[in-house]
N, C-alpha and C. Protein backbone atom coordinates (compact mmCIF):
# COMPACT_ATOMS: atom_id res chain seq x y z
N MET A 1 0.85 -1.19 0.00
CA MET A 1 0.00 0.00 0.00
C MET A 1 0.88 1.24 0.00
N SER A 2 0.55 2.23 -0.80
CA SER A 2 1.33 3.45 -0.88
C SER A 2 1.13 4.30 0.36
N PHE A 3 2.02 5.27 0.57
CA PHE A 3 1.88 6.18 1.71
C PHE A 3 0.56 6.93 1.61
N LYS A 4 0.20 7.40 0.40
CA LYS A 4 -1.01 8.19 0.24
C LYS A 4 -2.24 7.38 0.61
N ASN A 5 -2.34 6.17 0.10
CA ASN A 5 -3.49 5.33 0.41
C ASN A 5 -3.53 4.94 1.88
N LEU A 6 -2.32 4.74 2.44
CA LEU A 6 -2.25 4.38 3.85
C LEU A 6 -2.75 5.52 4.73
N CYS A 7 -2.39 6.74 4.36
CA CYS A 7 -2.83 7.90 5.13
C CYS A 7 -4.35 8.06 5.04
N LEU A 8 -4.92 7.74 3.88
CA LEU A 8 -6.36 7.85 3.70
C LEU A 8 -7.12 6.85 4.56
N SER A 9 -6.46 5.71 4.82
CA SER A 9 -7.14 4.67 5.59
C SER A 9 -6.77 4.67 7.07
N VAL A 10 -5.98 5.67 7.49
CA VAL A 10 -5.45 5.65 8.85
C VAL A 10 -6.54 5.73 9.91
N LEU A 11 -7.62 6.50 9.64
CA LEU A 11 -8.67 6.62 10.64
C LEU A 11 -9.34 5.28 10.88
N ILE A 12 -9.51 4.52 9.83
CA ILE A 12 -10.07 3.17 9.97
C ILE A 12 -9.11 2.30 10.77
N SER A 13 -7.82 2.45 10.45
CA SER A 13 -6.80 1.65 11.14
C SER A 13 -6.79 1.95 12.63
N VAL A 14 -6.85 3.24 12.95
CA VAL A 14 -6.84 3.63 14.37
C VAL A 14 -8.03 3.04 15.09
N ALA A 15 -9.18 3.05 14.43
CA ALA A 15 -10.38 2.50 15.07
C ALA A 15 -10.21 1.01 15.34
N VAL A 16 -9.62 0.32 14.37
CA VAL A 16 -9.39 -1.12 14.54
C VAL A 16 -8.39 -1.37 15.65
N PHE A 17 -7.27 -0.57 15.63
CA PHE A 17 -6.23 -0.75 16.64
C PHE A 17 -6.79 -0.51 18.03
N SER A 18 -7.71 0.47 18.14
CA SER A 18 -8.19 0.88 19.45
C SER A 18 -9.13 -0.14 20.08
N SER A 19 -9.51 -1.15 19.34
CA SER A 19 -10.44 -2.15 19.86
C SER A 19 -9.82 -3.02 20.94
N CYS A 20 -8.50 -2.98 21.02
CA CYS A 20 -7.83 -3.81 22.02
C CYS A 20 -6.54 -3.13 22.43
N ASN A 21 -6.22 -3.10 23.69
CA ASN A 21 -5.00 -2.45 24.17
C ASN A 21 -3.96 -3.44 24.65
N SER A 22 -4.12 -4.69 24.36
CA SER A 22 -3.16 -5.68 24.80
C SER A 22 -1.94 -5.66 23.91
N GLN A 23 -0.86 -6.32 24.35
CA GLN A 23 0.38 -6.37 23.59
C GLN A 23 0.22 -7.15 22.30
N THR A 24 -0.88 -7.89 22.13
CA THR A 24 -1.06 -8.65 20.90
C THR A 24 -1.65 -7.77 19.80
N SER A 25 -2.17 -6.57 20.15
CA SER A 25 -2.70 -5.64 19.17
C SER A 25 -1.62 -4.64 18.80
N ALA A 26 -1.92 -3.81 17.78
CA ALA A 26 -0.96 -2.80 17.38
C ALA A 26 -0.95 -1.63 18.35
N ASN A 27 -2.07 -1.41 19.02
CA ASN A 27 -2.19 -0.29 19.96
C ASN A 27 -1.77 -0.71 21.37
N VAL A 28 -0.96 0.13 21.99
CA VAL A 28 -0.47 -0.17 23.34
C VAL A 28 -0.71 1.04 24.23
N ASP A 29 -1.24 0.83 25.42
CA ASP A 29 -1.48 1.95 26.32
C ASP A 29 -0.18 2.41 26.97
N VAL A 30 -0.26 3.52 27.69
CA VAL A 30 0.94 4.13 28.28
C VAL A 30 1.68 3.16 29.20
N ALA A 31 0.94 2.46 30.05
CA ALA A 31 1.57 1.56 31.02
C ALA A 31 2.38 0.46 30.33
N ASN A 32 1.77 -0.17 29.32
CA ASN A 32 2.47 -1.25 28.61
C ASN A 32 3.60 -0.71 27.73
N PHE A 33 3.41 0.47 27.20
CA PHE A 33 4.46 1.10 26.38
C PHE A 33 5.68 1.38 27.24
N GLU A 34 5.45 1.95 28.41
CA GLU A 34 6.55 2.25 29.34
C GLU A 34 7.22 0.97 29.80
N GLN A 35 6.43 -0.07 30.07
CA GLN A 35 6.97 -1.35 30.52
C GLN A 35 7.91 -1.93 29.47
N ALA A 36 7.56 -1.81 28.20
CA ALA A 36 8.40 -2.32 27.11
C ALA A 36 9.72 -1.55 27.06
N ILE A 37 9.66 -0.24 27.28
CA ILE A 37 10.88 0.58 27.27
C ILE A 37 11.81 0.18 28.40
N VAL A 38 11.24 0.02 29.57
CA VAL A 38 12.03 -0.35 30.75
C VAL A 38 12.65 -1.74 30.57
N LYS A 39 11.89 -2.64 30.00
CA LYS A 39 12.38 -4.00 29.78
C LYS A 39 13.56 -4.01 28.82
N GLY A 40 13.53 -3.11 27.83
CA GLY A 40 14.65 -2.97 26.89
C GLY A 40 14.57 -3.88 25.69
N ASN A 41 15.63 -3.85 24.89
CA ASN A 41 15.74 -4.65 23.67
C ASN A 41 14.63 -4.31 22.67
N ILE A 42 14.26 -3.03 22.62
CA ILE A 42 13.30 -2.55 21.64
C ILE A 42 13.90 -1.37 20.89
N GLN A 43 13.20 -0.92 19.85
CA GLN A 43 13.58 0.28 19.14
C GLN A 43 12.45 1.28 19.30
N LEU A 44 12.76 2.44 19.84
CA LEU A 44 11.76 3.47 20.12
C LEU A 44 11.81 4.51 19.01
N LEU A 45 10.69 4.72 18.34
CA LEU A 45 10.67 5.57 17.16
C LEU A 45 9.65 6.70 17.28
N ASP A 46 10.15 7.92 17.23
CA ASP A 46 9.32 9.13 17.19
C ASP A 46 9.06 9.44 15.72
N VAL A 47 7.80 9.51 15.31
CA VAL A 47 7.50 9.72 13.90
C VAL A 47 7.02 11.15 13.62
N ARG A 48 7.26 12.07 14.54
CA ARG A 48 6.87 13.46 14.36
C ARG A 48 7.92 14.24 13.57
N THR A 49 7.72 15.53 13.45
CA THR A 49 8.67 16.40 12.76
C THR A 49 9.85 16.70 13.69
N PRO A 50 10.99 17.13 13.14
CA PRO A 50 12.14 17.50 13.97
C PRO A 50 11.79 18.57 15.00
N GLY A 51 10.97 19.54 14.62
CA GLY A 51 10.57 20.59 15.56
C GLY A 51 9.80 20.04 16.73
N GLU A 52 8.89 19.12 16.47
CA GLU A 52 8.12 18.49 17.54
C GLU A 52 9.04 17.67 18.45
N TYR A 53 9.98 16.98 17.83
CA TYR A 53 10.93 16.16 18.59
C TYR A 53 11.72 17.03 19.56
N GLN A 54 12.21 18.17 19.07
CA GLN A 54 13.01 19.06 19.91
C GLN A 54 12.20 19.64 21.06
N SER A 55 10.90 19.77 20.87
CA SER A 55 10.06 20.36 21.92
C SER A 55 9.84 19.42 23.09
N GLY A 56 10.13 18.14 22.91
CA GLY A 56 9.98 17.16 23.98
C GLY A 56 9.79 15.77 23.42
N HIS A 57 10.67 14.84 23.81
CA HIS A 57 10.61 13.48 23.27
C HIS A 57 10.93 12.47 24.36
N LEU A 58 10.61 11.22 24.09
CA LEU A 58 10.94 10.16 25.04
C LEU A 58 12.44 9.88 24.98
N SER A 59 13.00 9.52 26.10
CA SER A 59 14.44 9.27 26.20
C SER A 59 14.88 8.17 25.24
N ASN A 60 15.97 8.43 24.52
CA ASN A 60 16.60 7.48 23.59
C ASN A 60 15.75 7.18 22.35
N ALA A 61 14.78 8.03 22.06
CA ALA A 61 13.95 7.81 20.88
C ALA A 61 14.69 8.19 19.60
N LEU A 62 14.53 7.36 18.58
CA LEU A 62 15.03 7.68 17.25
C LEU A 62 13.96 8.51 16.54
N LEU A 63 14.34 9.15 15.43
CA LEU A 63 13.40 10.04 14.75
C LEU A 63 13.29 9.69 13.27
N ALA A 64 12.06 9.55 12.80
CA ALA A 64 11.78 9.36 11.37
C ALA A 64 10.43 10.02 11.10
N ASN A 65 10.46 11.14 10.43
CA ASN A 65 9.28 11.96 10.20
C ASN A 65 8.30 11.28 9.23
N TRP A 66 7.15 10.85 9.75
CA TRP A 66 6.16 10.17 8.92
C TRP A 66 5.65 11.06 7.79
N ASN A 67 5.62 12.36 8.00
CA ASN A 67 5.12 13.28 6.99
C ASN A 67 6.09 13.48 5.82
N ASN A 68 7.31 12.99 5.98
CA ASN A 68 8.30 13.07 4.91
C ASN A 68 8.54 11.64 4.41
N GLU A 69 7.87 11.29 3.34
CA GLU A 69 7.88 9.89 2.87
C GLU A 69 9.29 9.37 2.61
N ALA A 70 10.09 10.15 1.87
CA ALA A 70 11.44 9.70 1.51
C ALA A 70 12.30 9.51 2.75
N GLU A 71 12.22 10.48 3.68
CA GLU A 71 13.01 10.39 4.90
C GLU A 71 12.59 9.20 5.74
N PHE A 72 11.28 9.02 5.89
CA PHE A 72 10.79 7.93 6.73
C PHE A 72 11.27 6.58 6.21
N LYS A 73 11.13 6.36 4.91
CA LYS A 73 11.54 5.09 4.34
C LYS A 73 13.05 4.87 4.49
N LYS A 74 13.83 5.93 4.25
CA LYS A 74 15.28 5.82 4.32
C LYS A 74 15.75 5.51 5.73
N ARG A 75 15.17 6.20 6.71
CA ARG A 75 15.61 5.99 8.09
C ARG A 75 15.16 4.65 8.64
N THR A 76 13.97 4.22 8.31
CA THR A 76 13.48 2.95 8.85
C THR A 76 14.16 1.75 8.19
N GLU A 77 14.79 1.95 7.04
CA GLU A 77 15.56 0.87 6.43
C GLU A 77 16.70 0.41 7.34
N ALA A 78 17.14 1.31 8.22
CA ALA A 78 18.25 1.01 9.11
C ALA A 78 17.81 0.34 10.41
N LEU A 79 16.51 0.18 10.61
CA LEU A 79 16.02 -0.47 11.81
C LEU A 79 16.23 -1.99 11.74
N ASP A 80 16.30 -2.61 12.89
CA ASP A 80 16.55 -4.04 13.01
C ASP A 80 15.21 -4.79 13.10
N LYS A 81 14.94 -5.64 12.12
CA LYS A 81 13.67 -6.36 12.11
C LYS A 81 13.58 -7.44 13.17
N SER A 82 14.70 -7.75 13.81
CA SER A 82 14.68 -8.76 14.87
C SER A 82 14.24 -8.16 16.21
N LYS A 83 14.12 -6.84 16.26
CA LYS A 83 13.70 -6.17 17.50
C LYS A 83 12.39 -5.42 17.26
N PRO A 84 11.47 -5.47 18.21
CA PRO A 84 10.21 -4.75 18.03
C PRO A 84 10.41 -3.24 18.00
N VAL A 85 9.55 -2.57 17.24
CA VAL A 85 9.59 -1.11 17.12
C VAL A 85 8.36 -0.54 17.82
N TYR A 86 8.59 0.39 18.74
CA TYR A 86 7.50 1.07 19.45
C TYR A 86 7.45 2.51 18.97
N THR A 87 6.35 2.88 18.33
CA THR A 87 6.24 4.20 17.72
C THR A 87 5.31 5.11 18.50
N TYR A 88 5.52 6.40 18.33
CA TYR A 88 4.61 7.38 18.94
C TYR A 88 4.66 8.69 18.16
N CYS A 89 3.58 9.47 18.28
CA CYS A 89 3.53 10.81 17.71
C CYS A 89 2.83 11.70 18.74
N LEU A 90 2.16 12.75 18.31
CA LEU A 90 1.51 13.64 19.26
C LEU A 90 0.24 13.02 19.85
N SER A 91 -0.63 12.50 18.97
CA SER A 91 -1.91 11.98 19.45
C SER A 91 -2.13 10.50 19.14
N GLY A 92 -1.23 9.90 18.37
CA GLY A 92 -1.35 8.48 18.06
C GLY A 92 -1.83 8.19 16.65
N VAL A 93 -2.20 9.21 15.88
CA VAL A 93 -2.73 8.99 14.53
C VAL A 93 -1.61 8.68 13.54
N ARG A 94 -0.60 9.55 13.49
CA ARG A 94 0.51 9.31 12.57
C ARG A 94 1.26 8.03 12.91
N SER A 95 1.46 7.81 14.20
CA SER A 95 2.20 6.61 14.59
C SER A 95 1.39 5.35 14.35
N ALA A 96 0.06 5.45 14.35
CA ALA A 96 -0.77 4.29 14.01
C ALA A 96 -0.55 3.92 12.55
N ALA A 97 -0.51 4.93 11.68
CA ALA A 97 -0.25 4.68 10.26
C ALA A 97 1.15 4.14 10.06
N ALA A 98 2.12 4.72 10.78
CA ALA A 98 3.50 4.26 10.67
C ALA A 98 3.63 2.82 11.14
N THR A 99 2.93 2.49 12.22
CA THR A 99 2.96 1.13 12.75
C THR A 99 2.41 0.13 11.74
N GLN A 100 1.31 0.49 11.11
CA GLN A 100 0.71 -0.39 10.11
C GLN A 100 1.69 -0.61 8.96
N TRP A 101 2.31 0.48 8.50
CA TRP A 101 3.27 0.38 7.40
C TRP A 101 4.47 -0.48 7.78
N LEU A 102 4.98 -0.29 8.98
CA LEU A 102 6.12 -1.08 9.45
C LEU A 102 5.77 -2.57 9.51
N ARG A 103 4.58 -2.87 9.96
CA ARG A 103 4.14 -4.27 10.01
C ARG A 103 4.07 -4.87 8.61
N GLN A 104 3.66 -4.07 7.65
CA GLN A 104 3.60 -4.55 6.28
C GLN A 104 4.99 -4.82 5.71
N GLN A 105 6.01 -4.16 6.30
CA GLN A 105 7.38 -4.36 5.85
C GLN A 105 8.08 -5.50 6.61
N GLY A 106 7.36 -6.15 7.50
CA GLY A 106 7.93 -7.29 8.22
C GLY A 106 8.41 -7.00 9.62
N PHE A 107 8.16 -5.78 10.12
CA PHE A 107 8.56 -5.44 11.49
C PHE A 107 7.48 -5.87 12.48
N THR A 108 7.89 -6.12 13.71
CA THR A 108 6.95 -6.25 14.81
C THR A 108 6.84 -4.86 15.40
N ALA A 109 5.70 -4.22 15.24
CA ALA A 109 5.58 -2.81 15.62
C ALA A 109 4.33 -2.56 16.47
N TYR A 110 4.46 -1.58 17.37
CA TYR A 110 3.37 -1.19 18.26
C TYR A 110 3.26 0.32 18.30
N ASN A 111 2.06 0.79 18.53
CA ASN A 111 1.78 2.22 18.56
C ASN A 111 1.32 2.65 19.95
N LEU A 112 1.84 3.80 20.41
CA LEU A 112 1.42 4.36 21.70
C LEU A 112 0.05 5.00 21.54
N SER A 113 -0.95 4.39 22.13
CA SER A 113 -2.31 4.90 22.05
C SER A 113 -2.39 6.29 22.70
N GLY A 114 -2.85 7.27 21.93
CA GLY A 114 -2.97 8.62 22.48
C GLY A 114 -1.71 9.44 22.36
N GLY A 115 -0.62 8.80 21.96
CA GLY A 115 0.64 9.50 21.72
C GLY A 115 1.22 10.25 22.91
N ILE A 116 2.00 11.29 22.58
CA ILE A 116 2.65 12.12 23.61
C ILE A 116 1.61 12.73 24.54
N ASN A 117 0.45 13.07 24.00
CA ASN A 117 -0.60 13.67 24.84
C ASN A 117 -0.98 12.73 25.98
N ALA A 118 -1.15 11.45 25.67
CA ALA A 118 -1.50 10.47 26.70
C ALA A 118 -0.34 10.26 27.66
N TRP A 119 0.87 10.26 27.11
CA TRP A 119 2.09 10.08 27.92
C TRP A 119 2.21 11.19 28.97
N LYS A 120 2.01 12.43 28.54
CA LYS A 120 2.10 13.57 29.46
C LYS A 120 0.94 13.57 30.45
N LYS A 121 -0.24 13.19 29.99
CA LYS A 121 -1.40 13.13 30.88
C LYS A 121 -1.17 12.14 32.00
N ALA A 122 -0.40 11.08 31.72
CA ALA A 122 -0.10 10.07 32.73
C ALA A 122 1.07 10.50 33.63
N GLY A 123 1.60 11.70 33.40
CA GLY A 123 2.68 12.22 34.24
C GLY A 123 4.04 11.64 33.93
N LYS A 124 4.23 11.12 32.73
CA LYS A 124 5.51 10.51 32.35
C LYS A 124 6.47 11.58 31.83
N PRO A 125 7.77 11.36 32.03
CA PRO A 125 8.77 12.40 31.68
C PRO A 125 9.10 12.46 30.19
N LEU A 126 9.50 13.64 29.77
CA LEU A 126 9.98 13.88 28.41
C LEU A 126 11.34 14.57 28.49
N GLU A 127 12.16 14.37 27.47
CA GLU A 127 13.43 15.08 27.38
C GLU A 127 13.27 16.21 26.37
N GLN A 128 13.91 17.34 26.66
CA GLN A 128 13.87 18.47 25.76
C GLN A 128 15.27 18.87 25.34
N ALA A 129 15.38 19.35 24.11
CA ALA A 129 16.68 19.79 23.61
C ALA A 129 17.11 21.05 24.34
N THR A 130 18.38 21.15 24.65
CA THR A 130 18.94 22.35 25.27
C THR A 130 19.76 23.11 24.24
N ALA A 131 19.78 24.41 24.38
CA ALA A 131 20.52 25.24 23.43
C ALA A 131 22.01 24.97 23.56
N VAL A 132 22.69 24.79 22.45
CA VAL A 132 24.13 24.57 22.46
C VAL A 132 24.81 25.61 21.58
N LYS A 133 26.04 25.92 21.90
CA LYS A 133 26.79 26.88 21.11
C LYS A 133 27.04 26.31 19.71
N GLN A 134 26.74 27.10 18.72
CA GLN A 134 26.94 26.67 17.34
C GLN A 134 28.40 26.85 16.92
N ILE A 135 28.95 25.83 16.31
CA ILE A 135 30.32 25.88 15.82
C ILE A 135 30.37 26.74 14.56
N THR A 136 31.24 27.72 14.54
CA THR A 136 31.36 28.58 13.36
C THR A 136 32.19 27.89 12.29
N LYS A 137 32.15 28.44 11.08
CA LYS A 137 32.92 27.88 9.99
C LYS A 137 34.41 27.94 10.30
N ALA A 138 34.84 29.05 10.88
CA ALA A 138 36.25 29.21 11.24
C ALA A 138 36.68 28.20 12.30
N GLU A 139 35.82 27.97 13.29
CA GLU A 139 36.13 27.01 14.35
C GLU A 139 36.20 25.59 13.78
N TYR A 140 35.29 25.30 12.87
CA TYR A 140 35.29 23.97 12.24
C TYR A 140 36.56 23.76 11.44
N GLU A 141 36.93 24.73 10.64
CA GLU A 141 38.14 24.62 9.82
C GLU A 141 39.39 24.46 10.67
N ALA A 142 39.36 25.07 11.86
CA ALA A 142 40.51 24.96 12.76
C ALA A 142 40.63 23.55 13.34
N MET A 143 39.54 22.78 13.29
CA MET A 143 39.56 21.40 13.80
C MET A 143 40.16 20.44 12.79
N ILE A 144 40.37 20.88 11.56
CA ILE A 144 40.87 20.02 10.49
C ILE A 144 42.37 20.19 10.31
N PRO A 145 43.20 19.30 10.86
CA PRO A 145 44.65 19.43 10.70
C PRO A 145 45.04 19.25 9.23
N THR A 146 46.01 20.02 8.80
CA THR A 146 46.43 19.98 7.39
C THR A 146 47.50 18.93 7.12
N ASP A 147 48.02 18.32 8.17
CA ASP A 147 49.09 17.33 7.99
C ASP A 147 48.60 15.89 8.12
N LYS A 148 47.27 15.70 8.27
CA LYS A 148 46.73 14.35 8.42
C LYS A 148 45.43 14.20 7.63
N THR A 149 45.11 12.96 7.33
CA THR A 149 43.80 12.67 6.73
C THR A 149 42.76 12.74 7.83
N VAL A 150 41.64 13.40 7.55
CA VAL A 150 40.59 13.58 8.56
C VAL A 150 39.27 13.02 8.04
N LEU A 151 38.65 12.16 8.85
CA LEU A 151 37.32 11.64 8.55
C LEU A 151 36.34 12.33 9.48
N VAL A 152 35.43 13.10 8.91
CA VAL A 152 34.41 13.79 9.71
C VAL A 152 33.12 13.00 9.63
N ASP A 153 32.58 12.68 10.79
CA ASP A 153 31.31 11.94 10.89
C ASP A 153 30.27 12.88 11.47
N ILE A 154 29.35 13.33 10.62
CA ILE A 154 28.27 14.21 11.07
C ILE A 154 27.01 13.36 11.23
N SER A 155 26.63 13.13 12.47
CA SER A 155 25.52 12.24 12.79
C SER A 155 24.59 12.89 13.79
N ALA A 156 23.55 12.16 14.18
CA ALA A 156 22.63 12.62 15.22
C ALA A 156 22.24 11.43 16.07
N VAL A 157 22.06 11.66 17.35
CA VAL A 157 21.77 10.56 18.27
C VAL A 157 20.42 9.91 17.97
N TRP A 158 19.52 10.65 17.30
CA TRP A 158 18.19 10.13 17.02
C TRP A 158 18.06 9.53 15.63
N CYS A 159 19.18 9.39 14.92
CA CYS A 159 19.17 8.94 13.53
C CYS A 159 19.43 7.44 13.43
N PRO A 160 18.45 6.63 12.96
CA PRO A 160 18.66 5.18 12.84
C PRO A 160 19.86 4.77 11.98
N PRO A 161 20.07 5.36 10.79
CA PRO A 161 21.25 4.97 10.00
C PRO A 161 22.56 5.29 10.71
N CYS A 162 22.55 6.34 11.53
CA CYS A 162 23.75 6.71 12.28
C CYS A 162 24.13 5.63 13.28
N LYS A 163 23.11 4.98 13.86
CA LYS A 163 23.35 3.89 14.80
C LYS A 163 24.05 2.73 14.10
N VAL A 164 23.69 2.50 12.84
CA VAL A 164 24.31 1.43 12.06
C VAL A 164 25.75 1.78 11.73
N MET A 165 25.98 3.04 11.36
CA MET A 165 27.31 3.46 10.91
C MET A 165 28.32 3.66 12.05
N ALA A 166 27.85 3.95 13.25
CA ALA A 166 28.75 4.27 14.36
C ALA A 166 29.84 3.22 14.59
N PRO A 167 29.52 1.92 14.73
CA PRO A 167 30.58 0.94 14.95
C PRO A 167 31.52 0.78 13.76
N ILE A 168 31.01 1.00 12.55
CA ILE A 168 31.84 0.91 11.35
C ILE A 168 32.88 2.03 11.35
N VAL A 169 32.42 3.24 11.63
CA VAL A 169 33.31 4.40 11.67
C VAL A 169 34.34 4.26 12.79
N ASP A 170 33.88 3.84 13.96
CA ASP A 170 34.79 3.68 15.10
C ASP A 170 35.86 2.62 14.83
N SER A 171 35.45 1.53 14.18
CA SER A 171 36.40 0.47 13.87
C SER A 171 37.45 0.95 12.88
N LEU A 172 37.03 1.71 11.87
CA LEU A 172 37.98 2.24 10.89
C LEU A 172 38.96 3.21 11.54
N ALA A 173 38.44 4.04 12.43
CA ALA A 173 39.29 5.00 13.12
C ALA A 173 40.33 4.30 13.98
N LYS A 174 39.92 3.24 14.64
CA LYS A 174 40.84 2.49 15.49
C LYS A 174 41.91 1.79 14.66
N ALA A 175 41.50 1.23 13.53
CA ALA A 175 42.44 0.50 12.68
C ALA A 175 43.42 1.42 11.97
N ASN A 176 43.03 2.68 11.80
CA ASN A 176 43.88 3.63 11.08
C ASN A 176 44.31 4.81 11.95
N ALA A 177 44.39 4.55 13.25
CA ALA A 177 44.71 5.62 14.19
C ALA A 177 46.05 6.30 13.93
N ASP A 178 46.98 5.57 13.28
CA ASP A 178 48.31 6.14 13.04
C ASP A 178 48.36 7.07 11.83
N LYS A 179 47.32 7.06 11.01
CA LYS A 179 47.37 7.88 9.80
C LYS A 179 46.13 8.73 9.54
N MET A 180 45.16 8.70 10.44
CA MET A 180 43.98 9.53 10.24
C MET A 180 43.41 10.02 11.56
N VAL A 181 42.59 11.04 11.47
CA VAL A 181 41.92 11.61 12.64
C VAL A 181 40.41 11.52 12.42
N LEU A 182 39.68 11.12 13.44
CA LEU A 182 38.22 11.05 13.36
C LEU A 182 37.64 12.24 14.11
N LEU A 183 36.79 13.00 13.43
CA LEU A 183 36.12 14.14 14.04
C LEU A 183 34.62 13.89 13.98
N LYS A 184 33.99 13.82 15.15
CA LYS A 184 32.55 13.58 15.20
C LYS A 184 31.81 14.88 15.53
N ILE A 185 30.79 15.15 14.73
CA ILE A 185 29.96 16.34 14.92
C ILE A 185 28.51 15.91 15.10
N ASP A 186 27.85 16.44 16.14
CA ASP A 186 26.43 16.15 16.35
C ASP A 186 25.62 17.08 15.46
N GLY A 187 25.22 16.57 14.30
CA GLY A 187 24.47 17.38 13.36
C GLY A 187 23.10 17.78 13.85
N GLY A 188 22.54 16.99 14.77
CA GLY A 188 21.25 17.35 15.33
C GLY A 188 21.31 18.62 16.14
N GLU A 189 22.48 18.90 16.71
CA GLU A 189 22.69 20.11 17.49
C GLU A 189 23.30 21.23 16.65
N GLN A 190 24.27 20.87 15.82
CA GLN A 190 25.00 21.87 15.03
C GLN A 190 24.30 22.13 13.69
N THR A 191 23.11 22.68 13.80
CA THR A 191 22.30 22.91 12.60
C THR A 191 22.90 23.97 11.68
N GLU A 192 23.51 25.00 12.24
CA GLU A 192 24.08 26.06 11.41
C GLU A 192 25.28 25.54 10.62
N LEU A 193 26.11 24.73 11.25
CA LEU A 193 27.26 24.16 10.57
C LEU A 193 26.82 23.24 9.43
N CYS A 194 25.74 22.51 9.65
CA CYS A 194 25.22 21.62 8.61
C CYS A 194 24.81 22.42 7.37
N LYS A 195 24.23 23.58 7.60
CA LYS A 195 23.85 24.44 6.47
C LYS A 195 25.09 24.90 5.71
N ILE A 196 26.13 25.29 6.45
CA ILE A 196 27.36 25.77 5.85
C ILE A 196 28.03 24.68 5.02
N LEU A 197 28.00 23.45 5.55
CA LEU A 197 28.66 22.32 4.88
C LEU A 197 27.75 21.61 3.87
N ASN A 198 26.54 22.12 3.71
CA ASN A 198 25.58 21.53 2.79
C ASN A 198 25.28 20.07 3.15
N VAL A 199 25.09 19.84 4.43
CA VAL A 199 24.73 18.51 4.93
C VAL A 199 23.21 18.44 5.04
N ASN A 200 22.61 17.57 4.25
CA ASN A 200 21.15 17.49 4.19
C ASN A 200 20.59 16.21 4.80
N ALA A 201 21.46 15.26 5.15
CA ALA A 201 21.00 14.00 5.72
C ALA A 201 22.08 13.44 6.63
N PHE A 202 21.65 12.61 7.57
CA PHE A 202 22.59 11.97 8.50
C PHE A 202 22.57 10.46 8.29
N PRO A 203 23.71 9.79 8.45
CA PRO A 203 25.01 10.42 8.65
C PRO A 203 25.58 10.95 7.34
N THR A 204 26.44 11.96 7.45
CA THR A 204 27.23 12.42 6.32
C THR A 204 28.70 12.28 6.69
N LEU A 205 29.44 11.61 5.83
CA LEU A 205 30.87 11.41 6.05
C LEU A 205 31.65 12.31 5.10
N ILE A 206 32.68 12.96 5.62
CA ILE A 206 33.51 13.86 4.82
C ILE A 206 34.97 13.50 5.07
N ILE A 207 35.76 13.46 4.02
CA ILE A 207 37.19 13.19 4.16
C ILE A 207 37.98 14.40 3.66
N TYR A 208 38.95 14.81 4.48
CA TYR A 208 39.86 15.89 4.13
C TYR A 208 41.28 15.32 4.03
N LYS A 209 42.00 15.76 3.04
CA LYS A 209 43.42 15.42 2.91
C LYS A 209 44.20 16.70 2.69
N GLN A 210 45.19 16.91 3.55
CA GLN A 210 45.98 18.15 3.53
C GLN A 210 45.07 19.37 3.64
N GLY A 211 44.04 19.23 4.44
CA GLY A 211 43.15 20.34 4.69
C GLY A 211 42.11 20.58 3.62
N LYS A 212 42.08 19.77 2.58
CA LYS A 212 41.14 19.96 1.49
C LYS A 212 40.11 18.84 1.43
N LEU A 213 38.87 19.22 1.19
CA LEU A 213 37.78 18.24 1.09
C LEU A 213 37.95 17.43 -0.19
N VAL A 214 38.00 16.10 -0.04
CA VAL A 214 38.21 15.24 -1.21
C VAL A 214 37.05 14.27 -1.43
N TRP A 215 36.18 14.13 -0.43
CA TRP A 215 35.08 13.14 -0.55
C TRP A 215 34.00 13.46 0.46
N GLN A 216 32.75 13.32 0.04
CA GLN A 216 31.62 13.53 0.94
C GLN A 216 30.47 12.64 0.50
N LYS A 217 29.90 11.92 1.46
CA LYS A 217 28.80 11.01 1.14
C LYS A 217 27.85 10.90 2.31
N GLU A 218 26.56 10.81 2.00
CA GLU A 218 25.55 10.66 3.05
C GLU A 218 24.97 9.25 3.04
N GLY A 219 24.42 8.86 4.18
CA GLY A 219 23.77 7.56 4.29
C GLY A 219 24.71 6.45 4.71
N ILE A 220 24.20 5.24 4.73
CA ILE A 220 24.97 4.07 5.14
C ILE A 220 25.99 3.73 4.05
N THR A 221 27.24 3.59 4.46
CA THR A 221 28.33 3.31 3.54
C THR A 221 29.17 2.16 4.10
N SER A 222 29.65 1.28 3.25
CA SER A 222 30.42 0.14 3.73
C SER A 222 31.81 0.56 4.18
N ALA A 223 32.38 -0.22 5.08
CA ALA A 223 33.73 0.05 5.56
C ALA A 223 34.73 0.00 4.42
N LYS A 224 34.48 -0.90 3.46
CA LYS A 224 35.37 -1.04 2.30
C LYS A 224 35.40 0.23 1.46
N ASP A 225 34.24 0.82 1.24
CA ASP A 225 34.17 2.05 0.45
C ASP A 225 34.86 3.21 1.15
N ILE A 226 34.66 3.30 2.46
CA ILE A 226 35.30 4.40 3.21
C ILE A 226 36.81 4.21 3.22
N ALA A 227 37.25 2.96 3.47
CA ALA A 227 38.68 2.68 3.51
C ALA A 227 39.34 3.00 2.17
N LYS A 228 38.63 2.74 1.09
CA LYS A 228 39.16 3.04 -0.24
C LYS A 228 39.40 4.53 -0.40
N GLN A 229 38.50 5.34 0.11
CA GLN A 229 38.65 6.79 0.02
C GLN A 229 39.75 7.31 0.94
N LEU A 230 39.94 6.62 2.06
CA LEU A 230 40.99 7.03 3.00
C LEU A 230 42.37 6.76 2.42
């Protein structure tokens, strides 16, 4: 089913989901949702917009904006189908549609009934983004040594593909510690720097040699491809 058709049928889906609040249904109430988080070994997915996420989100939640079809599909490709996905939005409508779509792709997925609104009504905590100092272009350039190869990893803690790439990048950095430098930038926080560097998706990897940019690529990349560029 396409995103458009799925969105048209979401109200029907929500009604069906709401008929049962047990763990065997797609809809999960606040108590069971929280219990799953505490138990662990799940993937927590916020399907709202970045602005909504920054205004308050559940701890350790990943982000994939349901309203952005291309982004949602790209980010959820990096999720692990062996682990259940627990989704939420503001009121439970978008996440209900996202849950249905994820199930159609082979995931075990559940939706927080009532969304963030129900979570807050139950007195449960949310995390909010704090203002951070933005790195200027000059400060960034000063971080790039001209006598070494530099691999810049621009990622975000809420980005599913970034979670996949993190061990790959760390392993490469460890294996090549004598000839390269790894610089990690939190793109979710350093929004101004991302604009300057023309970074439109996470993760974005950039390689500098002798202080000059020689390679830049976004998304999941194999260790072999990165090593070849290094």
